[in-house]
Amino acid sequence: MEIKIVGKSGQISVGKAMAGLGFIMETLPGGDILLKHAIVVPVNERWLHEPAMKKKLARADEWMRDHPAKETDLDELAASIETVS
């Protein structure tokens, strides 16, 4: 356990190991402060964490594992496009 002193600016240092991490600060009855490590998800990315999207992403990951990337034969691709058109 460590004792930390709040500086004149109203800040307290939690150490360089915590730099860049997000926290939820909760003020408890009696004045104690509880810091909880938190991962912050930007609002415009929240949809990626919805259950339906997580399922879709898991299926996509599985498909990628079952179908490794390979070099495309551009002549073959062009020929297949011409026959469709």
N, C-alpha and C. Protein backbone atom coordinates (compact mmCIF):
# COMPACT_ATOMS: atom_id res chain seq x y z
N MET A 1 0.85 -1.18 0.00
CA MET A 1 0.00 0.00 0.00
C MET A 1 0.89 1.23 0.00
N GLU A 2 0.43 2.23 -0.70
CA GLU A 2 1.17 3.50 -0.79
C GLU A 2 0.27 4.65 -0.36
N ILE A 3 0.86 5.67 0.17
CA ILE A 3 0.12 6.88 0.48
C ILE A 3 0.44 7.90 -0.60
N LYS A 4 -0.60 8.47 -1.18
CA LYS A 4 -0.44 9.49 -2.21
C LYS A 4 -1.01 10.80 -1.67
N ILE A 5 -0.37 11.90 -2.03
CA ILE A 5 -0.83 13.23 -1.61
C ILE A 5 -1.32 13.98 -2.85
N VAL A 6 -2.49 14.56 -2.72
CA VAL A 6 -3.03 15.37 -3.81
C VAL A 6 -2.25 16.67 -3.86
N GLY A 7 -1.75 17.00 -5.06
CA GLY A 7 -0.96 18.21 -5.22
C GLY A 7 -1.81 19.47 -5.23
N LYS A 8 -1.14 20.62 -5.31
CA LYS A 8 -1.83 21.92 -5.30
C LYS A 8 -2.79 22.07 -6.47
N SER A 9 -2.51 21.38 -7.57
CA SER A 9 -3.36 21.47 -8.76
C SER A 9 -4.58 20.56 -8.66
N GLY A 10 -4.67 19.77 -7.59
CA GLY A 10 -5.80 18.86 -7.42
C GLY A 10 -5.58 17.51 -8.07
N GLN A 11 -4.35 17.23 -8.48
CA GLN A 11 -4.07 15.98 -9.17
C GLN A 11 -3.30 15.03 -8.26
N ILE A 12 -3.42 13.75 -8.60
CA ILE A 12 -2.67 12.72 -7.89
C ILE A 12 -2.03 11.82 -8.95
N SER A 13 -0.82 11.41 -8.73
CA SER A 13 -0.12 10.56 -9.68
C SER A 13 -0.33 9.09 -9.31
N VAL A 14 -0.65 8.28 -10.31
CA VAL A 14 -0.79 6.84 -10.05
C VAL A 14 0.38 6.06 -10.64
N GLY A 15 1.34 6.77 -11.22
CA GLY A 15 2.54 6.12 -11.72
C GLY A 15 2.56 5.94 -13.23
N LYS A 16 3.76 5.86 -13.77
CA LYS A 16 3.93 5.76 -15.22
C LYS A 16 3.36 4.47 -15.78
N ALA A 17 3.32 3.41 -14.97
CA ALA A 17 2.77 2.14 -15.45
C ALA A 17 1.29 2.27 -15.82
N MET A 18 0.61 3.26 -15.28
CA MET A 18 -0.81 3.47 -15.55
C MET A 18 -1.05 4.52 -16.64
N ALA A 19 0.01 5.11 -17.15
CA ALA A 19 -0.13 6.18 -18.15
C ALA A 19 -0.91 5.68 -19.36
N GLY A 20 -1.88 6.45 -19.79
CA GLY A 20 -2.66 6.15 -20.98
C GLY A 20 -3.83 5.21 -20.74
N LEU A 21 -3.97 4.67 -19.54
CA LEU A 21 -5.08 3.77 -19.24
C LEU A 21 -6.31 4.57 -18.83
N GLY A 22 -7.48 4.01 -19.06
CA GLY A 22 -8.73 4.66 -18.68
C GLY A 22 -9.22 4.16 -17.33
N PHE A 23 -9.87 5.03 -16.59
CA PHE A 23 -10.39 4.67 -15.27
C PHE A 23 -11.76 5.30 -15.06
N ILE A 24 -12.57 4.61 -14.30
CA ILE A 24 -13.83 5.18 -13.81
C ILE A 24 -13.53 5.60 -12.38
N MET A 25 -13.86 6.84 -12.06
CA MET A 25 -13.63 7.34 -10.71
C MET A 25 -14.96 7.40 -9.99
N GLU A 26 -15.05 6.69 -8.87
CA GLU A 26 -16.27 6.65 -8.09
C GLU A 26 -15.99 7.24 -6.72
N THR A 27 -16.79 8.23 -6.33
CA THR A 27 -16.66 8.82 -5.00
C THR A 27 -17.66 8.10 -4.09
N LEU A 28 -17.15 7.44 -3.09
CA LEU A 28 -17.98 6.65 -2.18
C LEU A 28 -18.47 7.51 -1.02
N PRO A 29 -19.56 7.05 -0.38
CA PRO A 29 -20.01 7.78 0.80
C PRO A 29 -18.85 7.84 1.82
N GLY A 30 -18.67 8.95 2.41
CA GLY A 30 -17.57 9.13 3.36
C GLY A 30 -16.36 9.78 2.71
N GLY A 31 -16.41 9.96 1.37
CA GLY A 31 -15.34 10.68 0.71
C GLY A 31 -14.24 9.83 0.08
N ASP A 32 -14.26 8.51 0.29
CA ASP A 32 -13.25 7.67 -0.35
C ASP A 32 -13.46 7.68 -1.86
N ILE A 33 -12.37 7.53 -2.57
CA ILE A 33 -12.42 7.51 -4.04
C ILE A 33 -11.95 6.14 -4.51
N LEU A 34 -12.72 5.55 -5.40
CA LEU A 34 -12.39 4.25 -5.95
C LEU A 34 -12.12 4.41 -7.45
N LEU A 35 -10.93 3.99 -7.88
CA LEU A 35 -10.59 4.00 -9.31
C LEU A 35 -10.74 2.58 -9.84
N LYS A 36 -11.52 2.44 -10.91
CA LYS A 36 -11.70 1.14 -11.55
C LYS A 36 -11.13 1.23 -12.96
N HIS A 37 -10.22 0.30 -13.28
CA HIS A 37 -9.64 0.26 -14.62
C HIS A 37 -10.77 0.02 -15.61
N ALA A 38 -10.82 0.79 -16.67
CA ALA A 38 -11.90 0.68 -17.64
C ALA A 38 -11.35 0.76 -19.06
N ILE A 39 -12.01 0.05 -19.95
CA ILE A 39 -11.71 0.18 -21.37
C ILE A 39 -12.80 1.05 -21.96
N VAL A 40 -12.41 2.12 -22.59
CA VAL A 40 -13.36 3.07 -23.14
C VAL A 40 -13.58 2.74 -24.62
N VAL A 41 -14.84 2.57 -25.00
CA VAL A 41 -15.19 2.29 -26.39
C VAL A 41 -15.86 3.53 -26.96
N PRO A 42 -15.29 4.12 -28.00
CA PRO A 42 -15.91 5.30 -28.60
C PRO A 42 -17.33 4.98 -29.08
N VAL A 43 -18.22 5.94 -28.98
CA VAL A 43 -19.63 5.75 -29.33
C VAL A 43 -19.77 5.23 -30.76
N ASN A 44 -18.96 5.77 -31.68
CA ASN A 44 -19.12 5.36 -33.08
C ASN A 44 -18.56 3.96 -33.35
N GLU A 45 -17.96 3.31 -32.35
CA GLU A 45 -17.47 1.94 -32.51
C GLU A 45 -18.23 0.95 -31.64
N ARG A 46 -19.20 1.44 -30.89
CA ARG A 46 -19.94 0.60 -29.95
C ARG A 46 -20.70 -0.53 -30.66
N TRP A 47 -21.16 -0.27 -31.88
CA TRP A 47 -21.91 -1.28 -32.64
C TRP A 47 -21.10 -2.54 -32.87
N LEU A 48 -19.77 -2.42 -32.89
CA LEU A 48 -18.93 -3.60 -33.09
C LEU A 48 -19.01 -4.57 -31.92
N HIS A 49 -19.47 -4.10 -30.77
CA HIS A 49 -19.51 -4.92 -29.57
C HIS A 49 -20.90 -5.44 -29.25
N GLU A 50 -21.87 -5.16 -30.14
CA GLU A 50 -23.22 -5.68 -29.95
C GLU A 50 -23.20 -7.18 -30.21
N PRO A 51 -24.02 -7.98 -29.50
CA PRO A 51 -24.00 -9.43 -29.65
C PRO A 51 -24.17 -9.92 -31.10
N ALA A 52 -25.09 -9.33 -31.85
CA ALA A 52 -25.31 -9.78 -33.24
C ALA A 52 -24.06 -9.55 -34.09
N MET A 53 -23.42 -8.40 -33.91
CA MET A 53 -22.22 -8.11 -34.69
C MET A 53 -21.06 -8.99 -34.25
N LYS A 54 -20.96 -9.27 -32.95
CA LYS A 54 -19.90 -10.15 -32.46
C LYS A 54 -20.02 -11.53 -33.10
N LYS A 55 -21.27 -12.02 -33.28
CA LYS A 55 -21.49 -13.31 -33.95
C LYS A 55 -21.02 -13.25 -35.40
N LYS A 56 -21.38 -12.16 -36.09
CA LYS A 56 -20.97 -12.01 -37.49
C LYS A 56 -19.45 -11.96 -37.60
N LEU A 57 -18.81 -11.23 -36.71
CA LEU A 57 -17.35 -11.12 -36.74
C LEU A 57 -16.70 -12.47 -36.43
N ALA A 58 -17.29 -13.23 -35.52
CA ALA A 58 -16.76 -14.57 -35.20
C ALA A 58 -16.86 -15.48 -36.41
N ARG A 59 -17.99 -15.40 -37.15
CA ARG A 59 -18.15 -16.20 -38.37
C ARG A 59 -17.13 -15.77 -39.42
N ALA A 60 -16.90 -14.48 -39.55
CA ALA A 60 -15.92 -13.97 -40.51
C ALA A 60 -14.52 -14.46 -40.15
N ASP A 61 -14.18 -14.44 -38.86
CA ASP A 61 -12.87 -14.95 -38.42
C ASP A 61 -12.72 -16.43 -38.77
N GLU A 62 -13.79 -17.19 -38.54
CA GLU A 62 -13.75 -18.63 -38.85
C GLU A 62 -13.56 -18.84 -40.35
N TRP A 63 -14.28 -18.06 -41.16
CA TRP A 63 -14.15 -18.18 -42.62
C TRP A 63 -12.71 -17.88 -43.05
N MET A 64 -12.12 -16.83 -42.47
CA MET A 64 -10.75 -16.47 -42.83
C MET A 64 -9.76 -17.58 -42.43
N ARG A 65 -10.00 -18.23 -41.29
CA ARG A 65 -9.13 -19.34 -40.89
C ARG A 65 -9.24 -20.51 -41.87
N ASP A 66 -10.48 -20.76 -42.35
CA ASP A 66 -10.72 -21.87 -43.27
C ASP A 66 -10.35 -21.55 -44.72
N HIS A 67 -10.18 -20.28 -45.04
CA HIS A 67 -9.86 -19.85 -46.41
C HIS A 67 -8.66 -18.90 -46.38
N PRO A 68 -7.46 -19.45 -46.24
CA PRO A 68 -6.28 -18.59 -46.16
C PRO A 68 -6.10 -17.75 -47.42
N ALA A 69 -5.50 -16.60 -47.25
CA ALA A 69 -5.26 -15.70 -48.37
C ALA A 69 -4.34 -16.37 -49.39
N LYS A 70 -4.62 -16.11 -50.66
CA LYS A 70 -3.77 -16.65 -51.72
C LYS A 70 -3.69 -15.61 -52.84
N GLU A 71 -2.67 -15.73 -53.63
CA GLU A 71 -2.46 -14.78 -54.72
C GLU A 71 -3.54 -14.98 -55.78
N THR A 72 -4.07 -13.87 -56.29
CA THR A 72 -5.10 -13.91 -57.32
C THR A 72 -4.46 -13.95 -58.70
N ASP A 73 -4.94 -14.85 -59.54
CA ASP A 73 -4.52 -14.90 -60.94
C ASP A 73 -5.37 -13.87 -61.68
N LEU A 74 -4.78 -12.72 -62.00
CA LEU A 74 -5.54 -11.62 -62.60
C LEU A 74 -6.09 -11.95 -63.97
N ASP A 75 -5.37 -12.74 -64.76
CA ASP A 75 -5.87 -13.14 -66.08
C ASP A 75 -7.12 -14.00 -65.93
N GLU A 76 -7.07 -14.92 -64.98
CA GLU A 76 -8.23 -15.80 -64.72
C GLU A 76 -9.42 -14.98 -64.23
N LEU A 77 -9.15 -14.01 -63.35
CA LEU A 77 -10.22 -13.16 -62.84
C LEU A 77 -10.83 -12.33 -63.96
N ALA A 78 -10.01 -11.73 -64.82
CA ALA A 78 -10.51 -10.94 -65.93
C ALA A 78 -11.36 -11.79 -66.87
N ALA A 79 -10.93 -13.01 -67.13
CA ALA A 79 -11.69 -13.91 -68.00
C ALA A 79 -13.05 -14.24 -67.38
N SER A 80 -13.07 -14.46 -66.07
CA SER A 80 -14.34 -14.79 -65.42
C SER A 80 -15.28 -13.59 -65.42
N ILE A 81 -14.75 -12.40 -65.35
CA ILE A 81 -15.59 -11.19 -65.41
C ILE A 81 -16.16 -11.02 -66.81
N GLU A 82 -15.35 -11.26 -67.82
CA GLU A 82 -15.81 -11.13 -69.21
C GLU A 82 -16.93 -12.09 -69.53
N THR A 83 -16.87 -13.31 -69.00
CA THR A 83 -17.92 -14.30 -69.29
C THR A 83 -19.21 -13.96 -68.57
N VAL A 84 -19.13 -13.25 -67.48
CA VAL A 84 -20.34 -12.84 -66.73
C VAL A 84 -21.01 -11.65 -67.41
N SER A 85 -20.22 -10.76 -67.97
CA SER A 85 -20.77 -9.52 -68.53
C SER A 85 -21.55 -9.71 -69.77
